[in-house]
All heavy atoms as atom14 arrays in JSON, in Angstrom:
{
  "sequence": "VGLVLENAAEPEHLELAGDGSRASAHYSCVVETEHAL",
  "atom14_mask": [
    [1, 1, 1, 1, 1, 1, 1, 0, 0, 0, 0, 0, 0, 0],
    [1, 1, 1, 1, 0, 0, 0, 0, 0, 0, 0, 0, 0, 0],
    [1, 1, 1, 1, 1, 1, 1, 1, 0, 0, 0, 0, 0, 0],
    [1, 1, 1, 1, 1, 1, 1, 0, 0, 0, 0, 0, 0, 0],
    [1, 1, 1, 1, 1, 1, 1, 1, 0, 0, 0, 0, 0, 0],
    [1, 1, 1, 1, 1, 1, 1, 1, 1, 0, 0, 0, 0, 0],
    [1, 1, 1, 1, 1, 1, 1, 1, 0, 0, 0, 0, 0, 0],
    [1, 1, 1, 1, 1, 0, 0, 0, 0, 0, 0, 0, 0, 0],
    [1, 1, 1, 1, 1, 0, 0, 0, 0, 0, 0, 0, 0, 0],
    [1, 1, 1, 1, 1, 1, 1, 1, 1, 0, 0, 0, 0, 0],
    [1, 1, 1, 1, 1, 1, 1, 0, 0, 0, 0, 0, 0, 0],
    [1, 1, 1, 1, 1, 1, 1, 1, 1, 0, 0, 0, 0, 0],
    [1, 1, 1, 1, 1, 1, 1, 1, 1, 1, 0, 0, 0, 0],
    [1, 1, 1, 1, 1, 1, 1, 1, 0, 0, 0, 0, 0, 0],
    [1, 1, 1, 1, 1, 1, 1, 1, 1, 0, 0, 0, 0, 0],
    [1, 1, 1, 1, 1, 1, 1, 1, 0, 0, 0, 0, 0, 0],
    [1, 1, 1, 1, 1, 0, 0, 0, 0, 0, 0, 0, 0, 0],
    [1, 1, 1, 1, 0, 0, 0, 0, 0, 0, 0, 0, 0, 0],
    [1, 1, 1, 1, 1, 1, 1, 1, 0, 0, 0, 0, 0, 0],
    [1, 1, 1, 1, 0, 0, 0, 0, 0, 0, 0, 0, 0, 0],
    [1, 1, 1, 1, 1, 1, 0, 0, 0, 0, 0, 0, 0, 0],
    [1, 1, 1, 1, 1, 1, 1, 1, 1, 1, 1, 0, 0, 0],
    [1, 1, 1, 1, 1, 0, 0, 0, 0, 0, 0, 0, 0, 0],
    [1, 1, 1, 1, 1, 1, 0, 0, 0, 0, 0, 0, 0, 0],
    [1, 1, 1, 1, 1, 0, 0, 0, 0, 0, 0, 0, 0, 0],
    [1, 1, 1, 1, 1, 1, 1, 1, 1, 1, 0, 0, 0, 0],
    [1, 1, 1, 1, 1, 1, 1, 1, 1, 1, 1, 1, 0, 0],
    [1, 1, 1, 1, 1, 1, 0, 0, 0, 0, 0, 0, 0, 0],
    [1, 1, 1, 1, 1, 1, 0, 0, 0, 0, 0, 0, 0, 0],
    [1, 1, 1, 1, 1, 1, 1, 0, 0, 0, 0, 0, 0, 0],
    [1, 1, 1, 1, 1, 1, 1, 0, 0, 0, 0, 0, 0, 0],
    [1, 1, 1, 1, 1, 1, 1, 1, 1, 0, 0, 0, 0, 0],
    [1, 1, 1, 1, 1, 1, 1, 0, 0, 0, 0, 0, 0, 0],
    [1, 1, 1, 1, 1, 1, 1, 1, 1, 0, 0, 0, 0, 0],
    [1, 1, 1, 1, 1, 1, 1, 1, 1, 1, 0, 0, 0, 0],
    [1, 1, 1, 1, 1, 0, 0, 0, 0, 0, 0, 0, 0, 0],
    [1, 1, 1, 1, 1, 1, 1, 1, 0, 0, 0, 0, 0, 0]
  ],
  "atom14_positions": [
    [[9.65, 19.07, -11.97], [9.47, 20.16, -12.94], [9.27, 19.67, -14.37], [8.89, 20.45, -15.23], [10.65, 21.15, -12.9], [10.69, 21.87, -11.57], [11.96, 20.45, -13.19], [0.0, 0.0, 0.0], [0.0, 0.0, 0.0], [0.0, 0.0, 0.0], [0.0, 0.0, 0.0], [0.0, 0.0, 0.0], [0.0, 0.0, 0.0], [0.0, 0.0, 0.0]],
    [[9.5, 18.4, -14.62], [9.35, 17.9, -15.98], [9.07, 16.42, -16.02], [9.57, 15.65, -15.2], [0.0, 0.0, 0.0], [0.0, 0.0, 0.0], [0.0, 0.0, 0.0], [0.0, 0.0, 0.0], [0.0, 0.0, 0.0], [0.0, 0.0, 0.0], [0.0, 0.0, 0.0], [0.0, 0.0, 0.0], [0.0, 0.0, 0.0], [0.0, 0.0, 0.0]],
    [[8.24, 16.02, -16.98], [7.93, 14.61, -17.22], [8.07, 14.34, -18.71], [7.55, 15.09, -19.54], [6.5, 14.28, -16.8], [6.17, 14.38, -15.31], [4.68, 14.27, -15.11], [6.88, 13.26, -14.57], [0.0, 0.0, 0.0], [0.0, 0.0, 0.0], [0.0, 0.0, 0.0], [0.0, 0.0, 0.0], [0.0, 0.0, 0.0], [0.0, 0.0, 0.0]],
    [[8.76, 13.26, -19.04], [8.91, 12.86, -20.43], [8.58, 11.37, -20.51], [9.26, 10.55, -19.89], [10.35, 13.11, -20.94], [10.49, 12.63, -22.37], [10.73, 14.56, -20.79], [0.0, 0.0, 0.0], [0.0, 0.0, 0.0], [0.0, 0.0, 0.0], [0.0, 0.0, 0.0], [0.0, 0.0, 0.0], [0.0, 0.0, 0.0], [0.0, 0.0, 0.0]],
    [[7.53, 11.04, -21.28], [7.19, 9.64, -21.47], [8.11, 9.04, -22.51], [8.42, 9.67, -23.52], [5.74, 9.48, -21.92], [4.68, 9.9, -20.92], [3.3, 9.57, -21.46], [4.87, 9.23, -19.58], [0.0, 0.0, 0.0], [0.0, 0.0, 0.0], [0.0, 0.0, 0.0], [0.0, 0.0, 0.0], [0.0, 0.0, 0.0], [0.0, 0.0, 0.0]],
    [[8.56, 7.82, -22.27], [9.46, 7.14, -23.19], [8.68, 6.25, -24.13], [7.49, 6.01, -23.95], [10.46, 6.31, -22.4], [11.39, 7.16, -21.55], [12.38, 6.33, -20.78], [12.12, 5.14, -20.54], [13.42, 6.87, -20.43], [0.0, 0.0, 0.0], [0.0, 0.0, 0.0], [0.0, 0.0, 0.0], [0.0, 0.0, 0.0], [0.0, 0.0, 0.0]],
    [[9.36, 5.73, -25.13], [8.81, 4.79, -26.1], [7.63, 5.38, -26.85], [6.61, 4.72, -27.07], [8.4, 3.48, -25.43], [9.56, 2.79, -24.76], [10.68, 2.91, -25.21], [9.29, 2.09, -23.69], [0.0, 0.0, 0.0], [0.0, 0.0, 0.0], [0.0, 0.0, 0.0], [0.0, 0.0, 0.0], [0.0, 0.0, 0.0], [0.0, 0.0, 0.0]],
    [[7.74, 6.65, -27.22], [6.72, 7.34, -28.02], [5.34, 7.27, -27.37], [4.33, 7.14, -28.02], [6.67, 6.77, -29.42], [0.0, 0.0, 0.0], [0.0, 0.0, 0.0], [0.0, 0.0, 0.0], [0.0, 0.0, 0.0], [0.0, 0.0, 0.0], [0.0, 0.0, 0.0], [0.0, 0.0, 0.0], [0.0, 0.0, 0.0], [0.0, 0.0, 0.0]],
    [[5.32, 7.33, -26.06], [4.08, 7.39, -25.28], [3.2, 6.15, -25.46], [2.0, 6.21, -25.31], [3.3, 8.65, -25.59], [0.0, 0.0, 0.0], [0.0, 0.0, 0.0], [0.0, 0.0, 0.0], [0.0, 0.0, 0.0], [0.0, 0.0, 0.0], [0.0, 0.0, 0.0], [0.0, 0.0, 0.0], [0.0, 0.0, 0.0], [0.0, 0.0, 0.0]],
    [[3.8, 5.02, -25.77], [3.05, 3.78, -25.83], [3.02, 3.19, -24.43], [4.06, 3.05, -23.78], [3.71, 2.78, -26.79], [3.57, 3.15, -28.23], [2.13, 3.07, -28.71], [1.41, 2.15, -28.3], [1.74, 3.94, -29.5], [0.0, 0.0, 0.0], [0.0, 0.0, 0.0], [0.0, 0.0, 0.0], [0.0, 0.0, 0.0], [0.0, 0.0, 0.0]],
    [[1.86, 2.85, -23.93], [1.78, 2.32, -22.56], [2.38, 0.93, -22.45], [2.26, 0.12, -23.36], [0.28, 2.31, -22.29], [-0.37, 2.23, -23.61], [0.55, 2.94, -24.56], [0.0, 0.0, 0.0], [0.0, 0.0, 0.0], [0.0, 0.0, 0.0], [0.0, 0.0, 0.0], [0.0, 0.0, 0.0], [0.0, 0.0, 0.0], [0.0, 0.0, 0.0]],
    [[3.03, 0.68, -21.32], [3.5, -0.67, -21.03], [2.3, -1.54, -20.67], [2.29, -2.74, -20.91], [4.47, -0.65, -19.85], [5.78, -0.02, -20.15], [6.69, 0.0, -18.94], [6.31, -0.5, -17.86], [7.8, 0.51, -19.08], [0.0, 0.0, 0.0], [0.0, 0.0, 0.0], [0.0, 0.0, 0.0], [0.0, 0.0, 0.0], [0.0, 0.0, 0.0]],
    [[1.31, -0.9, -20.07], [0.1, -1.6, -19.63], [-1.07, -0.65, -19.78], [-1.01, 0.48, -19.33], [0.28, -2.02, -18.16], [-0.98, -2.48, -17.52], [-1.51, -3.72, -17.74], [-1.83, -1.86, -16.67], [-2.62, -3.84, -17.03], [-2.84, -2.73, -16.39], [0.0, 0.0, 0.0], [0.0, 0.0, 0.0], [0.0, 0.0, 0.0], [0.0, 0.0, 0.0]],
    [[-2.12, -1.09, -20.43], [-3.35, -0.3, -20.55], [-4.52, -1.25, -20.36], [-4.63, -2.24, -21.07], [-3.45, 0.37, -21.92], [-4.73, 1.17, -22.17], [-4.82, 2.36, -21.23], [-4.8, 1.64, -23.59], [0.0, 0.0, 0.0], [0.0, 0.0, 0.0], [0.0, 0.0, 0.0], [0.0, 0.0, 0.0], [0.0, 0.0, 0.0], [0.0, 0.0, 0.0]],
    [[-5.34, -0.95, -19.38], [-6.47, -1.81, -19.08], [-7.74, -0.97, -19.05], [-7.83, 0.01, -18.3], [-6.25, -2.49, -17.73], [-7.34, -3.44, -17.35], [-7.07, -4.11, -16.01], [-5.9, -4.19, -15.61], [-8.04, -4.54, -15.37], [0.0, 0.0, 0.0], [0.0, 0.0, 0.0], [0.0, 0.0, 0.0], [0.0, 0.0, 0.0], [0.0, 0.0, 0.0]],
    [[-8.71, -1.37, -19.85], [-10.02, -0.72, -19.86], [-11.0, -1.61, -19.14], [-11.0, -2.83, -19.31], [-10.49, -0.5, -21.29], [-9.75, 0.54, -22.1], [-10.11, 0.45, -23.56], [-10.08, 1.92, -21.58], [0.0, 0.0, 0.0], [0.0, 0.0, 0.0], [0.0, 0.0, 0.0], [0.0, 0.0, 0.0], [0.0, 0.0, 0.0], [0.0, 0.0, 0.0]],
    [[-11.86, -1.02, -18.32], [-12.89, -1.78, -17.62], [-13.88, -2.34, -18.63], [-14.05, -1.78, -19.72], [-13.6, -0.89, -16.61], [0.0, 0.0, 0.0], [0.0, 0.0, 0.0], [0.0, 0.0, 0.0], [0.0, 0.0, 0.0], [0.0, 0.0, 0.0], [0.0, 0.0, 0.0], [0.0, 0.0, 0.0], [0.0, 0.0, 0.0], [0.0, 0.0, 0.0]],
    [[-14.55, -3.41, -18.26], [-15.5, -4.04, -19.16], [-16.63, -3.13, -19.59], [-17.09, -3.18, -20.74], [0.0, 0.0, 0.0], [0.0, 0.0, 0.0], [0.0, 0.0, 0.0], [0.0, 0.0, 0.0], [0.0, 0.0, 0.0], [0.0, 0.0, 0.0], [0.0, 0.0, 0.0], [0.0, 0.0, 0.0], [0.0, 0.0, 0.0], [0.0, 0.0, 0.0]],
    [[-17.08, -2.27, -18.7], [-18.18, -1.36, -19.05], [-17.69, -0.08, -19.71], [-18.49, 0.76, -20.13], [-19.02, -1.03, -17.82], [-18.23, -0.33, -16.72], [-16.99, -0.19, -16.86], [-18.85, 0.08, -15.73], [0.0, 0.0, 0.0], [0.0, 0.0, 0.0], [0.0, 0.0, 0.0], [0.0, 0.0, 0.0], [0.0, 0.0, 0.0], [0.0, 0.0, 0.0]],
    [[-16.37, 0.11, -19.81], [-15.81, 1.27, -20.49], [-15.85, 2.56, -19.69], [-15.67, 3.63, -20.24], [0.0, 0.0, 0.0], [0.0, 0.0, 0.0], [0.0, 0.0, 0.0], [0.0, 0.0, 0.0], [0.0, 0.0, 0.0], [0.0, 0.0, 0.0], [0.0, 0.0, 0.0], [0.0, 0.0, 0.0], [0.0, 0.0, 0.0], [0.0, 0.0, 0.0]],
    [[-16.05, 2.46, -18.38], [-16.14, 3.68, -17.56], [-14.83, 4.05, -16.89], [-14.66, 5.18, -16.45], [-17.22, 3.52, -16.5], [-16.87, 2.49, -15.6], [0.0, 0.0, 0.0], [0.0, 0.0, 0.0], [0.0, 0.0, 0.0], [0.0, 0.0, 0.0], [0.0, 0.0, 0.0], [0.0, 0.0, 0.0], [0.0, 0.0, 0.0], [0.0, 0.0, 0.0]],
    [[-13.91, 3.12, -16.78], [-12.63, 3.37, -16.12], [-11.5, 2.74, -16.92], [-11.7, 1.8, -17.68], [-12.62, 2.79, -14.71], [-13.59, 3.45, -13.79], [-13.39, 2.93, -12.36], [-14.19, 3.68, -11.45], [-13.84, 4.85, -10.92], [-12.69, 5.38, -11.23], [-14.63, 5.49, -10.1], [0.0, 0.0, 0.0], [0.0, 0.0, 0.0], [0.0, 0.0, 0.0]],
    [[-10.3, 3.26, -16.69], [-9.1, 2.71, -17.34], [-7.9, 3.0, -16.47], [-7.93, 3.9, -15.61], [-8.92, 3.33, -18.72], [0.0, 0.0, 0.0], [0.0, 0.0, 0.0], [0.0, 0.0, 0.0], [0.0, 0.0, 0.0], [0.0, 0.0, 0.0], [0.0, 0.0, 0.0], [0.0, 0.0, 0.0], [0.0, 0.0, 0.0], [0.0, 0.0, 0.0]],
    [[-6.83, 2.25, -16.68], [-5.57, 2.51, -16.0], [-4.44, 2.21, -16.98], [-4.59, 1.37, -17.87], [-5.42, 1.67, -14.74], [-5.34, 0.3, -15.08], [0.0, 0.0, 0.0], [0.0, 0.0, 0.0], [0.0, 0.0, 0.0], [0.0, 0.0, 0.0], [0.0, 0.0, 0.0], [0.0, 0.0, 0.0], [0.0, 0.0, 0.0], [0.0, 0.0, 0.0]],
    [[-3.33, 2.93, -16.82], [-2.2, 2.75, -17.72], [-0.9, 2.98, -16.97], [-0.85, 3.73, -15.99], [-2.3, 3.73, -18.89], [0.0, 0.0, 0.0], [0.0, 0.0, 0.0], [0.0, 0.0, 0.0], [0.0, 0.0, 0.0], [0.0, 0.0, 0.0], [0.0, 0.0, 0.0], [0.0, 0.0, 0.0], [0.0, 0.0, 0.0], [0.0, 0.0, 0.0]],
    [[0.16, 2.3, -17.43], [1.51, 2.47, -16.9], [2.42, 2.83, -18.07], [2.37, 2.18, -19.11], [2.03, 1.19, -16.26], [1.17, 0.69, -15.15], [1.34, -0.55, -14.61], [0.15, 1.24, -14.46], [0.46, -0.75, -13.65], [-0.28, 0.34, -13.55], [0.0, 0.0, 0.0], [0.0, 0.0, 0.0], [0.0, 0.0, 0.0], [0.0, 0.0, 0.0]],
    [[3.24, 3.85, -17.87], [4.19, 4.29, -18.89], [5.58, 4.4, -18.26], [5.7, 4.77, -17.1], [3.83, 5.69, -19.41], [2.51, 5.78, -20.13], [1.33, 5.99, -19.44], [2.46, 5.7, -21.51], [0.13, 6.09, -20.1], [1.26, 5.82, -22.18], [0.1, 6.01, -21.47], [-1.1, 6.11, -22.13], [0.0, 0.0, 0.0], [0.0, 0.0, 0.0]],
    [[6.61, 4.13, -19.03], [7.98, 4.43, -18.6], [8.19, 5.92, -18.82], [7.79, 6.46, -19.84], [8.99, 3.66, -19.44], [8.88, 2.3, -19.21], [0.0, 0.0, 0.0], [0.0, 0.0, 0.0], [0.0, 0.0, 0.0], [0.0, 0.0, 0.0], [0.0, 0.0, 0.0], [0.0, 0.0, 0.0], [0.0, 0.0, 0.0], [0.0, 0.0, 0.0]],
    [[8.8, 6.57, -17.84], [9.01, 8.01, -17.99], [10.3, 8.45, -17.32], [10.88, 7.72, -16.52], [7.83, 8.8, -17.43], [7.73, 8.86, -15.65], [0.0, 0.0, 0.0], [0.0, 0.0, 0.0], [0.0, 0.0, 0.0], [0.0, 0.0, 0.0], [0.0, 0.0, 0.0], [0.0, 0.0, 0.0], [0.0, 0.0, 0.0], [0.0, 0.0, 0.0]],
    [[10.72, 9.64, -17.68], [11.86, 10.28, -17.04], [11.3, 11.48, -16.29], [10.6, 12.31, -16.86], [12.91, 10.73, -18.08], [14.02, 11.52, -17.41], [13.46, 9.53, -18.82], [0.0, 0.0, 0.0], [0.0, 0.0, 0.0], [0.0, 0.0, 0.0], [0.0, 0.0, 0.0], [0.0, 0.0, 0.0], [0.0, 0.0, 0.0], [0.0, 0.0, 0.0]],
    [[11.59, 11.54, -14.99], [11.11, 12.62, -14.14], [12.27, 13.56, -13.85], [13.32, 13.13, -13.38], [10.54, 12.06, -12.81], [10.09, 13.18, -11.89], [9.42, 11.09, -13.07], [0.0, 0.0, 0.0], [0.0, 0.0, 0.0], [0.0, 0.0, 0.0], [0.0, 0.0, 0.0], [0.0, 0.0, 0.0], [0.0, 0.0, 0.0], [0.0, 0.0, 0.0]],
    [[12.08, 14.82, -14.16], [13.09, 15.84, -13.86], [12.69, 16.56, -12.58], [11.57, 17.03, -12.45], [13.21, 16.84, -15.0], [13.78, 16.26, -16.26], [13.96, 17.3, -17.35], [13.83, 18.51, -17.05], [14.21, 16.89, -18.47], [0.0, 0.0, 0.0], [0.0, 0.0, 0.0], [0.0, 0.0, 0.0], [0.0, 0.0, 0.0], [0.0, 0.0, 0.0]],
    [[13.64, 16.63, -11.65], [13.38, 17.34, -10.4], [14.41, 18.45, -10.25], [15.52, 18.38, -10.78], [13.47, 16.39, -9.19], [14.73, 15.74, -9.19], [12.37, 15.35, -9.23], [0.0, 0.0, 0.0], [0.0, 0.0, 0.0], [0.0, 0.0, 0.0], [0.0, 0.0, 0.0], [0.0, 0.0, 0.0], [0.0, 0.0, 0.0], [0.0, 0.0, 0.0]],
    [[14.0, 19.47, -9.53], [14.87, 20.62, -9.3], [14.83, 20.93, -7.81], [13.74, 21.05, -7.23], [14.38, 21.81, -10.12], [15.25, 23.03, -9.98], [14.78, 24.15, -10.89], [15.07, 24.08, -12.09], [14.11, 25.06, -10.38], [0.0, 0.0, 0.0], [0.0, 0.0, 0.0], [0.0, 0.0, 0.0], [0.0, 0.0, 0.0], [0.0, 0.0, 0.0]],
    [[16.0, 21.08, -7.21], [16.11, 21.37, -5.78], [17.0, 22.59, -5.58], [18.03, 22.73, -6.24], [16.69, 20.17, -5.01], [15.86, 18.93, -5.15], [14.67, 18.75, -4.48], [16.03, 17.82, -5.91], [14.16, 17.58, -4.81], [14.97, 17.0, -5.68], [0.0, 0.0, 0.0], [0.0, 0.0, 0.0], [0.0, 0.0, 0.0], [0.0, 0.0, 0.0]],
    [[16.61, 23.43, -4.66], [17.39, 24.63, -4.37], [18.71, 24.25, -3.7], [18.78, 23.29, -2.92], [16.59, 25.56, -3.46], [0.0, 0.0, 0.0], [0.0, 0.0, 0.0], [0.0, 0.0, 0.0], [0.0, 0.0, 0.0], [0.0, 0.0, 0.0], [0.0, 0.0, 0.0], [0.0, 0.0, 0.0], [0.0, 0.0, 0.0], [0.0, 0.0, 0.0]],
    [[19.74, 25.0, -4.05], [21.04, 24.78, -3.41], [20.97, 25.31, -1.99], [20.63, 26.47, -1.76], [22.14, 25.5, -4.19], [22.43, 24.96, -5.58], [23.44, 25.85, -6.29], [22.95, 23.55, -5.51], [0.0, 0.0, 0.0], [0.0, 0.0, 0.0], [0.0, 0.0, 0.0], [0.0, 0.0, 0.0], [0.0, 0.0, 0.0], [0.0, 0.0, 0.0]]
  ]
}
């Protein structure tokens, strides 16, 4: 139900393809989950 990126949304890893058509990134985050009782 919720996602919060840590470290002011600075990626731990950001890689852009040489031709600039693709990219990938890794961020530290806190995931909030909610489950019914």
